[in-house]
Amino acid sequence: MSKPAETHPPAGGALLDPKAAAAFLGLSEWTLAEWRCKGTGPRFIKLGNRVRYTPAELAAWCEAHSGASTSEHDVRKAG
């Protein structure tokens, strides 16, 4: 009997569906969908009609949106 071919997850870990990505971020699926339409959320992968996220992209997006104070966030948002 032949051994099944090994599959390797993409760089950054396994692919997450919007429900899992929303749980990862502590947000609703609706918020992620709105952000995809506006282009303001984390980068995603489109596979046919399915949307997927990598944990690495979600973590990078969180890091890019972190700040030490609200004023620091407001300056970044304005610029």
N, C-alpha and C. Protein backbone atom coordinates (compact mmCIF):
# COMPACT_ATOMS: atom_id res chain seq x y z
N MET A 1 0.85 -1.18 0.00
CA MET A 1 0.00 0.00 0.00
C MET A 1 0.89 1.24 0.00
N SER A 2 0.58 2.21 -0.85
CA SER A 2 1.41 3.40 -0.93
C SER A 2 1.06 4.39 0.17
N LYS A 3 2.07 5.10 0.57
CA LYS A 3 1.92 6.11 1.62
C LYS A 3 1.32 7.38 0.99
N PRO A 4 0.32 8.00 1.65
CA PRO A 4 -0.23 9.23 1.08
C PRO A 4 0.82 10.33 1.02
N ALA A 5 0.70 11.17 0.01
CA ALA A 5 1.65 12.28 -0.13
C ALA A 5 1.55 13.21 1.07
N GLU A 6 2.70 13.67 1.51
CA GLU A 6 2.71 14.61 2.64
C GLU A 6 2.31 15.98 2.14
N THR A 7 1.55 16.67 2.93
CA THR A 7 1.20 18.04 2.60
C THR A 7 1.81 18.94 3.66
N HIS A 8 2.25 20.08 3.24
CA HIS A 8 2.90 21.02 4.14
C HIS A 8 2.06 22.29 4.22
N PRO A 9 1.82 22.80 5.42
CA PRO A 9 1.06 24.04 5.52
C PRO A 9 1.85 25.19 4.92
N PRO A 10 1.17 26.24 4.47
CA PRO A 10 1.88 27.39 3.92
C PRO A 10 2.71 28.06 5.00
N ALA A 11 3.67 28.85 4.58
CA ALA A 11 4.49 29.58 5.54
C ALA A 11 3.60 30.36 6.49
N GLY A 12 3.89 30.28 7.76
CA GLY A 12 3.08 31.00 8.74
C GLY A 12 2.04 30.12 9.41
N GLY A 13 1.96 28.85 9.05
CA GLY A 13 1.02 27.96 9.72
C GLY A 13 -0.15 27.57 8.85
N ALA A 14 -1.08 26.88 9.47
CA ALA A 14 -2.27 26.38 8.77
C ALA A 14 -3.18 27.53 8.36
N LEU A 15 -4.00 27.27 7.38
CA LEU A 15 -4.97 28.27 6.94
C LEU A 15 -6.19 28.25 7.85
N LEU A 16 -6.66 29.41 8.22
CA LEU A 16 -7.82 29.55 9.09
C LEU A 16 -8.98 30.11 8.29
N ASP A 17 -10.19 29.58 8.51
CA ASP A 17 -11.37 30.15 7.89
C ASP A 17 -11.75 31.42 8.65
N PRO A 18 -12.67 32.23 8.11
CA PRO A 18 -13.02 33.49 8.78
C PRO A 18 -13.51 33.31 10.22
N LYS A 19 -14.21 32.22 10.50
CA LYS A 19 -14.70 31.99 11.86
C LYS A 19 -13.52 31.81 12.82
N ALA A 20 -12.54 31.00 12.42
CA ALA A 20 -11.36 30.77 13.27
C ALA A 20 -10.51 32.03 13.36
N ALA A 21 -10.38 32.76 12.26
CA ALA A 21 -9.61 34.01 12.27
C ALA A 21 -10.26 35.04 13.19
N ALA A 22 -11.58 35.13 13.14
CA ALA A 22 -12.30 36.06 14.02
C ALA A 22 -12.09 35.67 15.48
N ALA A 23 -12.13 34.39 15.78
CA ALA A 23 -11.89 33.93 17.15
C ALA A 23 -10.47 34.25 17.57
N PHE A 24 -9.51 34.08 16.68
CA PHE A 24 -8.10 34.39 16.94
C PHE A 24 -7.94 35.85 17.34
N LEU A 25 -8.68 36.73 16.64
CA LEU A 25 -8.57 38.17 16.89
C LEU A 25 -9.55 38.67 17.95
N GLY A 26 -10.51 37.84 18.32
CA GLY A 26 -11.52 38.28 19.28
C GLY A 26 -12.54 39.22 18.67
N LEU A 27 -12.82 39.02 17.39
CA LEU A 27 -13.75 39.87 16.64
C LEU A 27 -14.87 39.01 16.07
N SER A 28 -15.83 39.66 15.44
CA SER A 28 -16.90 38.91 14.78
C SER A 28 -16.50 38.64 13.33
N GLU A 29 -17.10 37.60 12.76
CA GLU A 29 -16.88 37.30 11.35
C GLU A 29 -17.35 38.47 10.48
N TRP A 30 -18.43 39.12 10.90
CA TRP A 30 -18.96 40.26 10.15
C TRP A 30 -17.93 41.38 10.06
N THR A 31 -17.23 41.64 11.16
CA THR A 31 -16.20 42.68 11.16
C THR A 31 -15.11 42.35 10.16
N LEU A 32 -14.65 41.11 10.16
CA LEU A 32 -13.62 40.71 9.19
C LEU A 32 -14.13 40.87 7.75
N ALA A 33 -15.37 40.49 7.51
CA ALA A 33 -15.95 40.63 6.16
C ALA A 33 -15.99 42.10 5.75
N GLU A 34 -16.38 42.96 6.65
CA GLU A 34 -16.43 44.40 6.36
C GLU A 34 -15.03 44.92 6.07
N TRP A 35 -14.06 44.51 6.87
CA TRP A 35 -12.68 44.96 6.66
C TRP A 35 -12.13 44.46 5.32
N ARG A 36 -12.50 43.23 4.91
CA ARG A 36 -12.04 42.74 3.61
C ARG A 36 -12.57 43.64 2.50
N CYS A 37 -13.83 44.03 2.60
CA CYS A 37 -14.43 44.90 1.58
C CYS A 37 -13.75 46.26 1.53
N LYS A 38 -13.41 46.79 2.70
CA LYS A 38 -12.78 48.11 2.79
C LYS A 38 -11.27 48.06 2.57
N GLY A 39 -10.68 46.87 2.69
CA GLY A 39 -9.23 46.74 2.54
C GLY A 39 -8.47 47.21 3.77
N THR A 40 -9.13 47.20 4.93
CA THR A 40 -8.48 47.71 6.14
C THR A 40 -8.05 46.62 7.11
N GLY A 41 -8.43 45.40 6.87
CA GLY A 41 -8.13 44.32 7.81
C GLY A 41 -6.86 43.58 7.45
N PRO A 42 -6.67 42.44 8.10
CA PRO A 42 -5.48 41.63 7.82
C PRO A 42 -5.53 41.05 6.41
N ARG A 43 -4.35 40.79 5.86
CA ARG A 43 -4.26 40.17 4.53
C ARG A 43 -4.90 38.80 4.58
N PHE A 44 -5.53 38.42 3.48
CA PHE A 44 -6.20 37.13 3.41
C PHE A 44 -5.88 36.46 2.09
N ILE A 45 -6.23 35.19 2.00
CA ILE A 45 -6.01 34.40 0.79
C ILE A 45 -7.38 34.01 0.25
N LYS A 46 -7.58 34.15 -1.03
CA LYS A 46 -8.84 33.77 -1.67
C LYS A 46 -8.59 32.51 -2.48
N LEU A 47 -9.27 31.43 -2.10
CA LEU A 47 -9.16 30.15 -2.80
C LEU A 47 -10.53 29.83 -3.39
N GLY A 48 -10.69 30.16 -4.65
CA GLY A 48 -12.02 30.04 -5.26
C GLY A 48 -12.94 31.05 -4.60
N ASN A 49 -14.02 30.56 -4.00
CA ASN A 49 -14.93 31.47 -3.30
C ASN A 49 -14.70 31.43 -1.78
N ARG A 50 -13.61 30.81 -1.36
CA ARG A 50 -13.32 30.69 0.08
C ARG A 50 -12.23 31.65 0.50
N VAL A 51 -12.40 32.23 1.66
CA VAL A 51 -11.43 33.15 2.24
C VAL A 51 -10.69 32.43 3.35
N ARG A 52 -9.38 32.59 3.38
CA ARG A 52 -8.57 31.99 4.43
C ARG A 52 -7.52 32.99 4.92
N TYR A 53 -7.08 32.79 6.15
CA TYR A 53 -6.06 33.63 6.78
C TYR A 53 -4.96 32.73 7.32
N THR A 54 -3.75 33.26 7.41
CA THR A 54 -2.69 32.52 8.10
C THR A 54 -2.49 33.15 9.48
N PRO A 55 -2.17 32.35 10.48
CA PRO A 55 -1.90 32.91 11.80
C PRO A 55 -0.77 33.95 11.76
N ALA A 56 0.21 33.74 10.90
CA ALA A 56 1.32 34.70 10.79
C ALA A 56 0.82 36.07 10.32
N GLU A 57 -0.07 36.09 9.33
CA GLU A 57 -0.62 37.37 8.84
C GLU A 57 -1.47 38.04 9.90
N LEU A 58 -2.25 37.26 10.64
CA LEU A 58 -3.08 37.82 11.70
C LEU A 58 -2.20 38.42 12.80
N ALA A 59 -1.14 37.71 13.17
CA ALA A 59 -0.23 38.21 14.19
C ALA A 59 0.49 39.46 13.71
N ALA A 60 0.91 39.47 12.44
CA ALA A 60 1.59 40.64 11.89
C ALA A 60 0.66 41.85 11.86
N TRP A 61 -0.60 41.62 11.51
CA TRP A 61 -1.57 42.71 11.48
C TRP A 61 -1.78 43.27 12.89
N CYS A 62 -1.87 42.38 13.87
CA CYS A 62 -2.01 42.82 15.27
C CYS A 62 -0.81 43.64 15.69
N GLU A 63 0.38 43.18 15.35
CA GLU A 63 1.60 43.90 15.72
C GLU A 63 1.63 45.28 15.07
N ALA A 64 1.22 45.36 13.81
CA ALA A 64 1.21 46.64 13.10
C ALA A 64 0.20 47.62 13.69
N HIS A 65 -0.80 47.09 14.40
CA HIS A 65 -1.84 47.93 14.97
C HIS A 65 -1.74 48.05 16.49
N SER A 66 -0.58 47.70 17.02
CA SER A 66 -0.39 47.82 18.47
C SER A 66 0.23 49.18 18.78
N GLY A 67 0.00 49.64 19.99
CA GLY A 67 0.56 50.92 20.41
C GLY A 67 0.70 50.96 21.92
N ALA A 68 1.51 51.89 22.38
CA ALA A 68 1.74 52.03 23.81
C ALA A 68 0.74 52.98 24.46
N SER A 69 0.09 53.81 23.64
CA SER A 69 -0.89 54.75 24.19
C SER A 69 -1.93 55.06 23.12
N THR A 70 -3.06 55.59 23.54
CA THR A 70 -4.10 55.96 22.58
C THR A 70 -3.65 57.12 21.69
N SER A 71 -2.86 58.03 22.24
CA SER A 71 -2.39 59.15 21.41
C SER A 71 -1.44 58.65 20.32
N GLU A 72 -0.64 57.65 20.61
CA GLU A 72 0.24 57.07 19.60
C GLU A 72 -0.59 56.46 18.48
N HIS A 73 -1.67 55.76 18.84
CA HIS A 73 -2.55 55.17 17.84
C HIS A 73 -3.23 56.25 17.01
N ASP A 74 -3.67 57.33 17.63
CA ASP A 74 -4.36 58.40 16.92
C ASP A 74 -3.45 59.08 15.92
N VAL A 75 -2.17 59.25 16.25
CA VAL A 75 -1.21 59.87 15.33
C VAL A 75 -0.99 58.97 14.12
N ARG A 76 -0.86 57.67 14.35
CA ARG A 76 -0.67 56.72 13.26
C ARG A 76 -1.89 56.68 12.37
N LYS A 77 -3.07 56.74 12.96
CA LYS A 77 -4.32 56.68 12.21
C LYS A 77 -4.48 57.92 11.32
N ALA A 78 -4.07 59.09 11.82
CA ALA A 78 -4.21 60.33 11.07
C ALA A 78 -3.21 60.40 9.92
N GLY A 79 -2.05 59.78 10.07
CA GLY A 79 -0.99 59.89 9.09
C GLY A 79 -1.02 58.85 8.10
